Structures are given as structure tokens and as C-alpha cells.
């Protein structure tokens, strides 16, 4: 069975790392490495291979850019991933993850083709960590359902967006409760459940997250 050719773009924060990834993929007979701006060769699903030292704001901004309005899958080559980072990259739509120290030509090629087929590929240790964290978040979501309806595992529920919109306008807990006809306790519970689920450190962080993701 012939393997379908895959169009690949390569992304890294520094030219040397990008050149290394390109050298691993350029001579593969089933991969076409093209510039990020090139819209040619779209018969195959576009796969973006991205190298990240850590998941920080520049990395997440780049992930959003790559996935915005495109039929594109991302393979992430990472040096380290904390548990909140792991959920974040899965939420952004990363299809495959490879540890940088394990990124051989064959592993990269396998991940690229898995992503192109719409399949996922994770190191075994990350599968265990992801399942554990999803389980914890699901339990937190179930426990928070009593505060006024279950929230989604990822993203924000409409009632959470309503609270954050008013918080962004400078209203305090009492004012928000009056506007939405909630008790103050319910408003606090909504914010606490949201910040726990999405690993947000405080109310300002929650508002910033909502603004960045386009919820408000």
C-alpha cells in the first residue's frame, strides 16, 4: 500500500532548531517541506511540525495562529510539558507529541503521517499523565455541576462567560450576583470551578484568558 505524500511546514523559535527539523524531513520521499506562506500542494493534509522548549505565551500564540481557519494538524516536538501544558496543547488541537530527545527521523515521520490521517500519537508516559489529569478535571466538573449546571471539560460555559464579562467591566461579586440573579456564593463557585478546571491563577488571569481566547 502506497503512503500518501504529506505537505509539511516547520516552525521553531530559532533558525538552528528549524534547520535541524527540516534536515530530518527534507529527504523523506513521502514528505514535502514547504514554506509556511506557501499555499501550494494542498492535495495532502497540511501538517505543521513545531519545536517548543516550553509552553509559554509565544508558543500558544503560534499554535493559535497555525490552527486558525486551516485544515491543519500539528506535531509538537517538546523538551518538557507540565500537566497544565499538556491539556492546553491538546485543547489547541495538537495531534502528536514527541519528546525532543527522542525525535529521530523515523519518529518524526511516523508522527507526521499519523497527524495527517487525523490520528493521535503520544509518548506512553504522556498518555498516563493525560488520562490522570482528565480524570481529575472530570471529577471537578461533576462536583461543580451543583453550582448551576455542568461546565464543559475544556473551554467556557455560557454562564462562565457571563460572569467574566461583568468581571471585566469592573463589577465585584455582589454586583455580578445582582446583575445575573445569582447568589454571591454561586458566583464565587463558578469562578473557582473555572479557574481550577483551566489552571488559572486568579480572576485577572481568568479575564485575560477569556479575552485572549475570544470569549469576551
Protein backbone atom coordinates (compact mmCIF):
# COMPACT_ATOMS: atom_id res chain seq x y z
CA UNK A 1 0.00 0.00 0.00
CA UNK A 2 1.43 3.37 -1.04
CA UNK A 3 1.81 6.06 1.61
CA UNK A 4 0.20 9.35 0.63
CA UNK A 5 2.53 12.34 0.41
CA UNK A 6 2.10 14.89 3.18
CA UNK A 7 2.69 18.64 2.95
CA UNK A 8 4.64 19.87 5.98
CA UNK A 9 5.58 23.28 7.36
CA UNK A 10 8.27 23.58 10.04
CA UNK A 11 8.23 26.04 12.94
CA UNK A 12 10.75 26.78 15.70
CA UNK A 13 11.77 29.78 17.77
CA UNK A 14 15.32 29.81 16.43
CA UNK A 15 16.76 29.22 12.93
CA UNK A 16 19.15 26.44 14.03
CA UNK A 17 16.37 24.29 15.51
CA UNK A 18 14.20 24.87 12.45
CA UNK A 19 17.06 23.85 10.16
CA UNK A 20 17.52 20.66 12.17
CA UNK A 21 13.88 19.67 11.80
CA UNK A 22 13.94 20.45 8.09
CA UNK A 23 17.05 18.30 7.62
CA UNK A 24 15.24 15.37 9.26
CA UNK A 25 12.24 15.68 6.94
CA UNK A 26 13.51 17.13 3.67
CA UNK A 27 14.82 13.90 2.14
CA UNK A 28 11.83 11.74 3.14
CA UNK A 29 10.11 10.51 -0.05
CA UNK A 30 6.61 10.85 1.43
CA UNK A 31 7.03 14.41 2.79
CA UNK A 32 7.01 17.78 1.02
CA UNK A 33 8.51 20.51 3.22
CA UNK A 34 7.21 23.93 2.12
CA UNK A 35 7.47 27.49 3.48
CA UNK A 36 4.76 28.50 5.93
CA UNK A 37 3.37 31.08 3.49
CA UNK A 38 3.20 28.67 0.56
CA UNK A 39 -0.36 27.62 -0.32
CA UNK A 40 0.71 25.11 -2.96
CA UNK A 41 0.43 21.33 -2.74
CA UNK A 42 -2.80 21.30 -0.74
CA UNK A 43 -3.91 17.89 -2.08
CA UNK A 44 -2.47 16.37 1.09
CA UNK A 45 -3.49 17.48 4.60
CA UNK A 46 -1.12 20.17 5.84
CA UNK A 47 0.86 19.20 8.93
CA UNK A 48 2.81 21.74 10.95
CA UNK A 49 5.83 20.42 12.86
CA UNK A 50 6.60 22.75 15.75
CA UNK A 51 9.52 22.64 18.17
CA UNK A 52 8.99 24.24 21.59
CA UNK A 53 11.35 24.40 24.55
CA UNK A 54 8.36 25.06 26.82
CA UNK A 55 4.71 26.02 26.55
CA UNK A 56 4.69 29.77 27.12
CA UNK A 57 2.73 32.69 25.68
CA UNK A 58 4.73 32.89 22.39
CA UNK A 59 4.23 29.14 21.89
CA UNK A 60 0.49 29.23 22.48
CA UNK A 61 0.15 32.29 20.24
CA UNK A 62 1.92 30.41 17.46
CA UNK A 63 -0.32 27.38 17.97
CA UNK A 64 -3.42 29.55 17.66
CA UNK A 65 -2.02 31.13 14.50
CA UNK A 66 -1.27 27.77 12.93
CA UNK A 67 -4.69 26.33 13.66
CA UNK A 68 -6.83 29.40 12.94
CA UNK A 69 -9.03 28.78 9.92
CA UNK A 70 -6.87 26.00 8.49
CA UNK A 71 -7.35 22.30 7.87
CA UNK A 72 -4.01 21.69 9.53
CA UNK A 73 -2.72 19.27 12.15
CA UNK A 74 0.19 19.99 14.49
CA UNK A 75 3.03 17.72 15.59
CA UNK A 76 4.70 19.18 18.68
CA UNK A 77 8.34 18.40 19.48
CA UNK A 78 8.73 19.40 23.13
CA UNK A 79 11.57 19.45 25.64
CA UNK A 80 9.20 19.48 28.63
CA UNK A 81 5.46 19.60 29.35
CA UNK A 82 3.86 20.30 32.70
CA UNK A 83 0.42 18.81 33.27
CA UNK A 84 -1.44 22.10 32.60
CA UNK A 85 0.65 22.47 29.43
CA UNK A 86 -0.39 19.00 28.26
CA UNK A 87 -4.09 19.80 28.50
CA UNK A 88 -3.53 23.17 26.85
CA UNK A 89 -1.83 21.77 23.76
CA UNK A 90 -4.45 19.03 23.42
CA UNK A 91 -7.15 21.70 23.63
CA UNK A 92 -5.41 23.76 20.95
CA UNK A 93 -5.56 20.76 18.60
CA UNK A 94 -2.07 19.25 18.69
CA UNK A 95 -2.34 15.77 17.14
CA UNK A 96 1.01 14.25 18.08
CA UNK A 97 3.73 14.95 20.64
CA UNK A 98 7.35 13.79 20.56
CA UNK A 99 9.96 14.38 23.23
CA UNK A 100 12.82 16.36 21.75
CA UNK A 101 15.45 13.87 22.92
CA UNK A 102 13.52 11.08 21.15
CA UNK A 103 12.88 12.95 17.89
CA UNK A 104 14.57 10.64 15.41
CA UNK A 105 13.81 10.81 11.70
CA UNK A 106 11.59 7.74 11.92
CA UNK A 107 9.62 9.04 14.92
CA UNK A 108 9.07 12.38 13.20
CA UNK A 109 7.95 10.68 10.01
CA UNK A 110 5.56 8.39 11.90
CA UNK A 111 4.06 11.34 13.82
CA UNK A 112 3.62 13.40 10.65
CA UNK A 113 1.73 10.62 8.89
CA UNK A 114 -0.38 9.87 11.98
CA UNK A 115 -1.34 13.55 12.23
CA UNK A 116 -2.13 13.71 8.50
CA UNK A 117 -4.54 10.79 8.93
CA UNK A 118 -6.21 12.59 11.84
CA UNK A 119 -4.79 10.16 14.38
CA UNK A 120 -3.05 10.95 17.65
CA UNK A 121 0.39 9.88 18.80
CA UNK A 122 1.78 10.43 22.31
CA UNK A 123 4.71 9.02 24.29
CA UNK A 124 3.44 6.35 26.75
CA UNK A 125 4.29 8.46 29.81
CA UNK A 126 2.19 11.35 28.47
CA UNK A 127 -0.81 9.10 27.85
CA UNK A 128 -0.85 8.17 31.55
CA UNK A 129 -0.47 11.80 32.66
CA UNK A 130 -3.20 12.98 30.30
CA UNK A 131 -5.67 10.34 31.48
CA UNK A 132 -4.95 11.15 35.12
CA UNK A 133 -5.50 14.87 34.61
CA UNK A 134 -8.65 14.44 32.53
CA UNK A 135 -10.00 12.23 35.31
CA UNK A 136 -9.30 14.89 37.92
CA UNK A 137 -10.88 17.61 35.79
CA UNK A 138 -13.93 15.47 35.10
CA UNK A 139 -14.41 14.93 38.83
CA UNK A 140 -14.05 18.68 39.42
CA UNK A 141 -16.58 19.36 36.64
CA UNK A 142 -19.07 16.90 38.16
CA UNK A 143 -18.64 18.42 41.60
CA UNK A 144 -19.17 21.90 40.17
CA UNK A 145 -22.43 20.95 38.47
CA UNK A 146 -24.32 21.71 41.68
CA UNK A 147 -23.41 25.39 41.33
CA UNK A 148 -25.78 25.92 38.41
CA UNK A 149 -25.16 23.42 35.62
CA UNK A 150 -22.24 21.34 34.38
CA UNK A 151 -19.37 23.15 32.68
CA UNK A 152 -17.50 21.75 29.68
CA UNK A 153 -14.28 19.87 30.25
CA UNK A 154 -12.49 22.40 28.03
CA UNK A 155 -13.38 25.97 27.20
CA UNK A 156 -16.05 28.01 28.94
CA UNK A 157 -19.77 27.56 29.54
CA UNK A 158 -22.13 30.48 28.76
CA UNK A 159 -22.71 31.22 32.46
CA UNK A 160 -18.94 31.42 33.00
CA UNK A 161 -18.62 33.85 30.10
CA UNK A 162 -21.45 35.97 31.54
CA UNK A 163 -19.65 36.22 34.88
CA UNK A 164 -16.30 37.07 33.27
CA UNK A 165 -17.82 39.75 31.05
CA UNK A 166 -19.11 41.56 34.12
CA UNK A 167 -15.86 40.96 35.98
CA UNK A 168 -14.00 42.55 33.05
CA UNK A 169 -16.27 45.59 33.36
CA UNK A 170 -15.07 46.08 36.92
CA UNK A 171 -18.04 44.67 38.82
CA UNK A 172 -17.44 42.91 42.11
CA UNK A 173 -19.03 39.66 43.29
CA UNK A 174 -22.09 41.33 44.81
CA UNK A 175 -22.76 43.41 41.69
CA UNK A 176 -22.34 40.39 39.42
CA UNK A 177 -24.77 38.37 41.54
CA UNK A 178 -27.35 41.16 41.28
CA UNK A 179 -26.93 41.51 37.51
CA UNK A 180 -27.26 37.76 36.86
CA UNK A 181 -29.72 36.96 39.65
CA UNK A 182 -27.25 34.51 41.20
CA UNK A 183 -26.28 34.29 44.83
CA UNK A 184 -22.83 35.61 45.68
CA UNK A 185 -21.86 32.07 46.65
CA UNK A 186 -22.84 30.81 43.19
CA UNK A 187 -20.71 33.50 41.51
CA UNK A 188 -17.74 32.53 43.67
CA UNK A 189 -18.28 28.84 42.93
CA UNK A 190 -18.49 29.48 39.19
CA UNK A 191 -15.20 31.38 39.24
CA UNK A 192 -13.48 28.83 41.48
CA UNK A 193 -14.57 25.88 39.30
CA UNK A 194 -13.48 27.71 36.13
CA UNK A 195 -10.05 28.64 37.49
CA UNK A 196 -9.48 25.11 38.81
CA UNK A 197 -10.51 23.45 35.55
CA UNK A 198 -8.43 25.70 33.30
CA UNK A 199 -5.46 26.10 35.68
CA UNK A 200 -5.96 29.87 36.01
CA UNK A 201 -4.25 31.53 38.95
CA UNK A 202 -6.69 34.35 39.80
CA UNK A 203 -9.62 36.41 38.49
CA UNK A 204 -7.40 38.70 36.43
CA UNK A 205 -5.84 35.64 34.79
CA UNK A 206 -9.33 34.30 34.04
CA UNK A 207 -10.38 37.57 32.38
CA UNK A 208 -7.13 37.68 30.37
CA UNK A 209 -7.65 34.09 29.24
CA UNK A 210 -11.23 34.82 28.15
CA UNK A 211 -10.12 37.90 26.22
CA UNK A 212 -7.25 36.07 24.54
CA UNK A 213 -9.44 33.14 23.51
CA UNK A 214 -12.22 35.38 22.17
CA UNK A 215 -14.89 34.51 24.74
CA UNK A 216 -15.37 38.15 25.72
